[in-house]
Amino acid sequence: MKTDQPIRVDRSVLTTSTLQQADADDRAYWRSKTPIERLEALERMRQVVYQYDPVTTRLQRILTGPEPLGS
């Protein structure tokens, strides 16, 4: 799944379950994904939690010149 596409949610489906069943379902879902898909999802969640946008956020560069010889 690419992160540049919005995630669509089907709001017409509603189910209920116990917390134990929900945990088991979550584990089964993530075990069905490849390690790369898991890391992509983790990175997306990190960006959402910390409001980080890798396109607009850059590290500040500080340019320095060489030190003069003999000082």
PDB file of N, CA and C in Angstrom:
ATOM      1  N   MET A   1       0.840  -1.181   0.000  1.00  0.00           N
ATOM      2  CA  MET A   1       0.000   0.000   0.000  1.00  0.00           C
ATOM      3  C   MET A   1       0.881   1.239   0.000  1.00  0.00           C
ATOM      4  N   LYS A   2       0.587   2.170  -0.884  1.00  0.00           N
ATOM      5  CA  LYS A   2       1.354   3.398  -0.954  1.00  0.00           C
ATOM      6  C   LYS A   2       0.816   4.392   0.061  1.00  0.00           C
ATOM      7  N   THR A   3       1.713   5.165   0.654  1.00  0.00           N
ATOM      8  CA  THR A   3       1.302   6.117   1.680  1.00  0.00           C
ATOM      9  C   THR A   3       0.778   7.417   1.092  1.00  0.00           C
ATOM     10  N   ASP A   4       0.952   7.649  -0.222  1.00  0.00           N
ATOM     11  CA  ASP A   4       0.479   8.893  -0.804  1.00  0.00           C
ATOM     12  C   ASP A   4      -0.994   8.834  -1.200  1.00  0.00           C
ATOM     13  N   GLN A   5      -1.628   7.678  -1.067  1.00  0.00           N
ATOM     14  CA  GLN A   5      -3.043   7.540  -1.373  1.00  0.00           C
ATOM     15  C   GLN A   5      -3.841   7.563  -0.081  1.00  0.00           C
ATOM     16  N   PRO A   6      -5.000   8.261  -0.079  1.00  0.00           N
ATOM     17  CA  PRO A   6      -5.811   8.296   1.142  1.00  0.00           C
ATOM     18  C   PRO A   6      -6.386   6.919   1.455  1.00  0.00           C
ATOM     19  N   ILE A   7      -6.567   6.654   2.735  1.00  0.00           N
ATOM     20  CA  ILE A   7      -7.134   5.389   3.184  1.00  0.00           C
ATOM     21  C   ILE A   7      -8.656   5.509   3.167  1.00  0.00           C
ATOM     22  N   ARG A   8      -9.316   4.551   2.565  1.00  0.00           N
ATOM     23  CA  ARG A   8     -10.774   4.568   2.491  1.00  0.00           C
ATOM     24  C   ARG A   8     -11.342   3.595   3.515  1.00  0.00           C
ATOM     25  N   VAL A   9     -12.416   4.024   4.185  1.00  0.00           N
ATOM     26  CA  VAL A   9     -13.071   3.209   5.202  1.00  0.00           C
ATOM     27  C   VAL A   9     -14.498   2.927   4.753  1.00  0.00           C
ATOM     28  N   ASP A  10     -14.896   1.655   4.801  1.00  0.00           N
ATOM     29  CA  ASP A  10     -16.270   1.273   4.479  1.00  0.00           C
ATOM     30  C   ASP A  10     -17.110   1.435   5.736  1.00  0.00           C
ATOM     31  N   ARG A  11     -17.883   2.497   5.807  1.00  0.00           N
ATOM     32  CA  ARG A  11     -18.674   2.798   7.000  1.00  0.00           C
ATOM     33  C   ARG A  11     -20.016   2.067   7.022  1.00  0.00           C
ATOM     34  N   SER A  12     -20.294   1.258   6.026  1.00  0.00           N
ATOM     35  CA  SER A  12     -21.562   0.532   6.001  1.00  0.00           C
ATOM     36  C   SER A  12     -21.477  -0.782   6.771  1.00  0.00           C
ATOM     37  N   VAL A  13     -20.301  -1.163   7.211  1.00  0.00           N
ATOM     38  CA  VAL A  13     -20.112  -2.422   7.926  1.00  0.00           C
ATOM     39  C   VAL A  13     -19.880  -2.123   9.402  1.00  0.00           C
ATOM     40  N   LEU A  14     -20.642  -2.766  10.260  1.00  0.00           N
ATOM     41  CA  LEU A  14     -20.497  -2.595  11.700  1.00  0.00           C
ATOM     42  C   LEU A  14     -20.519  -3.967  12.355  1.00  0.00           C
ATOM     43  N   THR A  15     -19.482  -4.264  13.137  1.00  0.00           N
ATOM     44  CA  THR A  15     -19.432  -5.529  13.861  1.00  0.00           C
ATOM     45  C   THR A  15     -19.050  -5.249  15.308  1.00  0.00           C
ATOM     46  N   THR A  16     -19.407  -6.163  16.174  1.00  0.00           N
ATOM     47  CA  THR A  16     -19.025  -6.066  17.577  1.00  0.00           C
ATOM     48  C   THR A  16     -18.297  -7.343  17.959  1.00  0.00           C
ATOM     49  N   SER A  17     -17.371  -7.212  18.911  1.00  0.00           N
ATOM     50  CA  SER A  17     -16.636  -8.375  19.389  1.00  0.00           C
ATOM     51  C   SER A  17     -16.058  -8.053  20.762  1.00  0.00           C
ATOM     52  N   THR A  18     -15.516  -9.061  21.404  1.00  0.00           N
ATOM     53  CA  THR A  18     -14.880  -8.853  22.700  1.00  0.00           C
ATOM     54  C   THR A  18     -13.474  -8.291  22.464  1.00  0.00           C
ATOM     55  N   LEU A  19     -12.884  -7.748  23.512  1.00  0.00           N
ATOM     56  CA  LEU A  19     -11.520  -7.235  23.384  1.00  0.00           C
ATOM     57  C   LEU A  19     -10.539  -8.353  23.043  1.00  0.00           C
ATOM     58  N   GLN A  20     -10.749  -9.523  23.609  1.00  0.00           N
ATOM     59  CA  GLN A  20      -9.863 -10.647  23.315  1.00  0.00           C
ATOM     60  C   GLN A  20      -9.957 -11.046  21.837  1.00  0.00           C
ATOM     61  N   GLN A  21     -11.168 -11.061  21.303  1.00  0.00           N
ATOM     62  CA  GLN A  21     -11.338 -11.410  19.891  1.00  0.00           C
ATOM     63  C   GLN A  21     -10.751 -10.325  18.990  1.00  0.00           C
ATOM     64  N   ALA A  22     -10.921  -9.065  19.392  1.00  0.00           N
ATOM     65  CA  ALA A  22     -10.357  -7.965  18.610  1.00  0.00           C
ATOM     66  C   ALA A  22      -8.826  -8.052  18.584  1.00  0.00           C
ATOM     67  N   ASP A  23      -8.223  -8.371  19.734  1.00  0.00           N
ATOM     68  CA  ASP A  23      -6.766  -8.537  19.783  1.00  0.00           C
ATOM     69  C   ASP A  23      -6.308  -9.686  18.890  1.00  0.00           C
ATOM     70  N   ALA A  24      -7.030 -10.791  18.941  1.00  0.00           N
ATOM     71  CA  ALA A  24      -6.681 -11.944  18.108  1.00  0.00           C
ATOM     72  C   ALA A  24      -6.813 -11.594  16.619  1.00  0.00           C
ATOM     73  N   ASP A  25      -7.874 -10.859  16.285  1.00  0.00           N
ATOM     74  CA  ASP A  25      -8.068 -10.446  14.895  1.00  0.00           C
ATOM     75  C   ASP A  25      -6.951  -9.507  14.446  1.00  0.00           C
ATOM     76  N   ASP A  26      -6.545  -8.583  15.318  1.00  0.00           N
ATOM     77  CA  ASP A  26      -5.450  -7.669  14.985  1.00  0.00           C
ATOM     78  C   ASP A  26      -4.154  -8.433  14.737  1.00  0.00           C
ATOM     79  N   ARG A  27      -3.863  -9.386  15.604  1.00  0.00           N
ATOM     80  CA  ARG A  27      -2.638 -10.179  15.422  1.00  0.00           C
ATOM     81  C   ARG A  27      -2.671 -10.961  14.112  1.00  0.00           C
ATOM     82  N   ALA A  28      -3.811 -11.553  13.819  1.00  0.00           N
ATOM     83  CA  ALA A  28      -3.941 -12.322  12.580  1.00  0.00           C
ATOM     84  C   ALA A  28      -3.780 -11.412  11.360  1.00  0.00           C
ATOM     85  N   TYR A  29      -4.347 -10.218  11.435  1.00  0.00           N
ATOM     86  CA  TYR A  29      -4.227  -9.273  10.322  1.00  0.00           C
ATOM     87  C   TYR A  29      -2.768  -8.907  10.084  1.00  0.00           C
ATOM     88  N   TRP A  30      -2.057  -8.511  11.140  1.00  0.00           N
ATOM     89  CA  TRP A  30      -0.674  -8.066  10.957  1.00  0.00           C
ATOM     90  C   TRP A  30       0.262  -9.210  10.607  1.00  0.00           C
ATOM     91  N   ARG A  31      -0.050 -10.414  11.052  1.00  0.00           N
ATOM     92  CA  ARG A  31       0.771 -11.569  10.663  1.00  0.00           C
ATOM     93  C   ARG A  31       0.590 -11.909   9.193  1.00  0.00           C
ATOM     94  N   SER A  32      -0.545 -11.495   8.618  1.00  0.00           N
ATOM     95  CA  SER A  32      -0.774 -11.766   7.193  1.00  0.00           C
ATOM     96  C   SER A  32      -0.025 -10.779   6.297  1.00  0.00           C
ATOM     97  N   LYS A  33       0.526  -9.714   6.870  1.00  0.00           N
ATOM     98  CA  LYS A  33       1.243  -8.691   6.106  1.00  0.00           C
ATOM     99  C   LYS A  33       2.731  -9.011   6.052  1.00  0.00           C
ATOM    100  N   THR A  34       3.376  -8.505   5.008  1.00  0.00           N
ATOM    101  CA  THR A  34       4.818  -8.703   4.880  1.00  0.00           C
ATOM    102  C   THR A  34       5.540  -7.757   5.840  1.00  0.00           C
ATOM    103  N   PRO A  35       6.789  -8.051   6.162  1.00  0.00           N
ATOM    104  CA  PRO A  35       7.544  -7.143   7.032  1.00  0.00           C
ATOM    105  C   PRO A  35       7.627  -5.719   6.474  1.00  0.00           C
ATOM    106  N   ILE A  36       7.742  -5.574   5.167  1.00  0.00           N
ATOM    107  CA  ILE A  36       7.802  -4.236   4.562  1.00  0.00           C
ATOM    108  C   ILE A  36       6.481  -3.502   4.780  1.00  0.00           C
ATOM    109  N   GLU A  37       5.363  -4.185   4.605  1.00  0.00           N
ATOM    110  CA  GLU A  37       4.058  -3.551   4.821  1.00  0.00           C
ATOM    111  C   GLU A  37       3.892  -3.129   6.280  1.00  0.00           C
ATOM    112  N   ARG A  38       4.397  -3.940   7.182  1.00  0.00           N
ATOM    113  CA  ARG A  38       4.317  -3.591   8.605  1.00  0.00           C
ATOM    114  C   ARG A  38       5.143  -2.345   8.908  1.00  0.00           C
ATOM    115  N   LEU A  39       6.360  -2.279   8.355  1.00  0.00           N
ATOM    116  CA  LEU A  39       7.205  -1.109   8.585  1.00  0.00           C
ATOM    117  C   LEU A  39       6.606   0.151   7.960  1.00  0.00           C
ATOM    118  N   GLU A  40       5.997   0.027   6.787  1.00  0.00           N
ATOM    119  CA  GLU A  40       5.353   1.176   6.157  1.00  0.00           C
ATOM    120  C   GLU A  40       4.195   1.678   7.021  1.00  0.00           C
ATOM    121  N   ALA A  41       3.421   0.763   7.586  1.00  0.00           N
ATOM    122  CA  ALA A  41       2.314   1.151   8.455  1.00  0.00           C
ATOM    123  C   ALA A  41       2.841   1.801   9.732  1.00  0.00           C
ATOM    124  N   LEU A  42       3.905   1.265  10.282  1.00  0.00           N
ATOM    125  CA  LEU A  42       4.511   1.839  11.481  1.00  0.00           C
ATOM    126  C   LEU A  42       5.012   3.251  11.222  1.00  0.00           C
ATOM    127  N   GLU A  43       5.663   3.452  10.079  1.00  0.00           N
ATOM    128  CA  GLU A  43       6.163   4.782   9.727  1.00  0.00           C
ATOM    129  C   GLU A  43       5.002   5.756   9.545  1.00  0.00           C
ATOM    130  N   ARG A  44       3.936   5.311   8.907  1.00  0.00           N
ATOM    131  CA  ARG A  44       2.762   6.178   8.716  1.00  0.00           C
ATOM    132  C   ARG A  44       2.161   6.563  10.068  1.00  0.00           C
ATOM    133  N   MET A  45       2.049   5.620  10.986  1.00  0.00           N
ATOM    134  CA  MET A  45       1.506   5.924  12.319  1.00  0.00           C
ATOM    135  C   MET A  45       2.408   6.900  13.060  1.00  0.00           C
ATOM    136  N   ARG A  46       3.727   6.744  12.913  1.00  0.00           N
ATOM    137  CA  ARG A  46       4.666   7.670  13.551  1.00  0.00           C
ATOM    138  C   ARG A  46       4.482   9.084  13.008  1.00  0.00           C
ATOM    139  N   GLN A  47       4.308   9.188  11.704  1.00  0.00           N
ATOM    140  CA  GLN A  47       4.099  10.501  11.105  1.00  0.00           C
ATOM    141  C   GLN A  47       2.808  11.147  11.593  1.00  0.00           C
ATOM    142  N   VAL A  48       1.759  10.360  11.755  1.00  0.00           N
ATOM    143  CA  VAL A  48       0.483  10.900  12.230  1.00  0.00           C
ATOM    144  C   VAL A  48       0.601  11.344  13.679  1.00  0.00           C
ATOM    145  N   VAL A  49       1.198  10.516  14.526  1.00  0.00           N
ATOM    146  CA  VAL A  49       1.298  10.829  15.954  1.00  0.00           C
ATOM    147  C   VAL A  49       2.140  12.079  16.188  1.00  0.00           C
ATOM    148  N   TYR A  50       3.272  12.188  15.510  1.00  0.00           N
ATOM    149  CA  TYR A  50       4.180  13.310  15.724  1.00  0.00           C
ATOM    150  C   TYR A  50       3.973  14.452  14.729  1.00  0.00           C
ATOM    151  N   GLN A  51       2.900  14.370  13.928  1.00  0.00           N
ATOM    152  CA  GLN A  51       2.565  15.398  12.944  1.00  0.00           C
ATOM    153  C   GLN A  51       3.786  15.745  12.097  1.00  0.00           C
ATOM    154  N   TYR A  52       4.431  14.714  11.596  1.00  0.00           N
ATOM    155  CA  TYR A  52       5.655  14.850  10.812  1.00  0.00           C
ATOM    156  C   TYR A  52       5.337  14.666   9.339  1.00  0.00           C
ATOM    157  N   ASP A  53       5.748  15.611   8.519  1.00  0.00           N
ATOM    158  CA  ASP A  53       5.581  15.511   7.080  1.00  0.00           C
ATOM    159  C   ASP A  53       6.972  15.515   6.459  1.00  0.00           C
ATOM    160  N   PRO A  54       7.436  14.376   5.954  1.00  0.00           N
ATOM    161  CA  PRO A  54       8.806  14.302   5.444  1.00  0.00           C
ATOM    162  C   PRO A  54       9.043  15.195   4.233  1.00  0.00           C
ATOM    163  N   VAL A  55       7.993  15.631   3.550  1.00  0.00           N
ATOM    164  CA  VAL A  55       8.162  16.484   2.379  1.00  0.00           C
ATOM    165  C   VAL A  55       8.515  17.910   2.797  1.00  0.00           C
ATOM    166  N   THR A  56       7.887  18.396   3.870  1.00  0.00           N
ATOM    167  CA  THR A  56       8.110  19.790   4.269  1.00  0.00           C
ATOM    168  C   THR A  56       9.127  19.944   5.381  1.00  0.00           C
ATOM    169  N   THR A  57       9.424  18.896   6.110  1.00  0.00           N
ATOM    170  CA  THR A  57      10.362  18.976   7.220  1.00  0.00           C
ATOM    171  C   THR A  57      11.763  18.638   6.725  1.00  0.00           C
ATOM    172  N   ARG A  58      12.665  19.524   6.971  1.00  0.00           N
ATOM    173  CA  ARG A  58      14.057  19.325   6.571  1.00  0.00           C
ATOM    174  C   ARG A  58      14.964  19.656   7.744  1.00  0.00           C
ATOM    175  N   LEU A  59      16.126  19.056   7.747  1.00  0.00           N
ATOM    176  CA  LEU A  59      17.127  19.405   8.742  1.00  0.00           C
ATOM    177  C   LEU A  59      17.786  20.711   8.341  1.00  0.00           C
ATOM    178  N   GLN A  60      18.040  21.549   9.312  1.00  0.00           N
ATOM    179  CA  GLN A  60      18.707  22.806   9.031  1.00  0.00           C
ATOM    180  C   GLN A  60      20.189  22.533   8.813  1.00  0.00           C
ATOM    181  N   ARG A  61      20.732  23.102   7.747  1.00  0.00           N
ATOM    182  CA  ARG A  61      22.150  22.938   7.466  1.00  0.00           C
ATOM    183  C   ARG A  61      22.887  24.186   7.905  1.00  0.00           C
ATOM    184  N   ILE A  62      23.996  23.959   8.551  1.00  0.00           N
ATOM    185  CA  ILE A  62      24.851  25.062   8.980  1.00  0.00           C
ATOM    186  C   ILE A  62      26.163  24.901   8.222  1.00  0.00           C
ATOM    187  N   LEU A  63      26.448  25.882   7.383  1.00  0.00           N
ATOM    188  CA  LEU A  63      27.669  25.822   6.580  1.00  0.00           C
ATOM    189  C   LEU A  63      28.796  26.495   7.342  1.00  0.00           C
ATOM    190  N   THR A  64      29.929  25.844   7.376  1.00  0.00           N
ATOM    191  CA  THR A  64      31.111  26.438   7.990  1.00  0.00           C
ATOM    192  C   THR A  64      32.274  26.305   7.029  1.00  0.00           C
ATOM    193  N   GLY A  65      33.157  27.275   7.093  1.00  0.00           N
ATOM    194  CA  GLY A  65      34.331  27.235   6.256  1.00  0.00           C
ATOM    195  C   GLY A  65      35.471  26.561   6.984  1.00  0.00           C
ATOM    196  N   PRO A  66      36.548  26.278   6.272  1.00  0.00           N
ATOM    197  CA  PRO A  66      37.698  25.634   6.927  1.00  0.00           C
ATOM    198  C   PRO A  66      38.360  26.598   7.910  1.00  0.00           C
ATOM    199  N   GLU A  67      38.948  26.050   8.936  1.00  0.00           N
ATOM    200  CA  GLU A  67      39.672  26.855   9.932  1.00  0.00           C
ATOM    201  C   GLU A  67      40.963  27.363   9.290  1.00  0.00           C
ATOM    202  N   PRO A  68      41.302  28.627   9.552  1.00  0.00           N
ATOM    203  CA  PRO A  68      42.560  29.153   9.001  1.00  0.00           C
ATOM    204  C   PRO A  68      43.758  28.419   9.603  1.00  0.00           C
ATOM    205  N   LEU A  69      44.792  28.235   8.795  1.00  0.00           N
ATOM    206  CA  LEU A  69      46.001  27.565   9.267  1.00  0.00           C
ATOM    207  C   LEU A  69      46.775  28.477  10.197  1.00  0.00           C
ATOM    208  N   GLY A  70      47.371  27.914  11.221  1.00  0.00           N
ATOM    209  CA  GLY A  70      48.225  28.671  12.132  1.00  0.00           C
ATOM    210  C   GLY A  70      47.468  29.433  13.200  1.00  0.00           C
ATOM    211  N   SER A  71      46.222  29.097  13.414  1.00  0.00           N
ATOM    212  CA  SER A  71      45.515  29.818  14.477  1.00  0.00           C
ATOM    213  C   SER A  71      45.362  28.975  15.710  1.00  0.00           C
TER     214      SER A  71
END
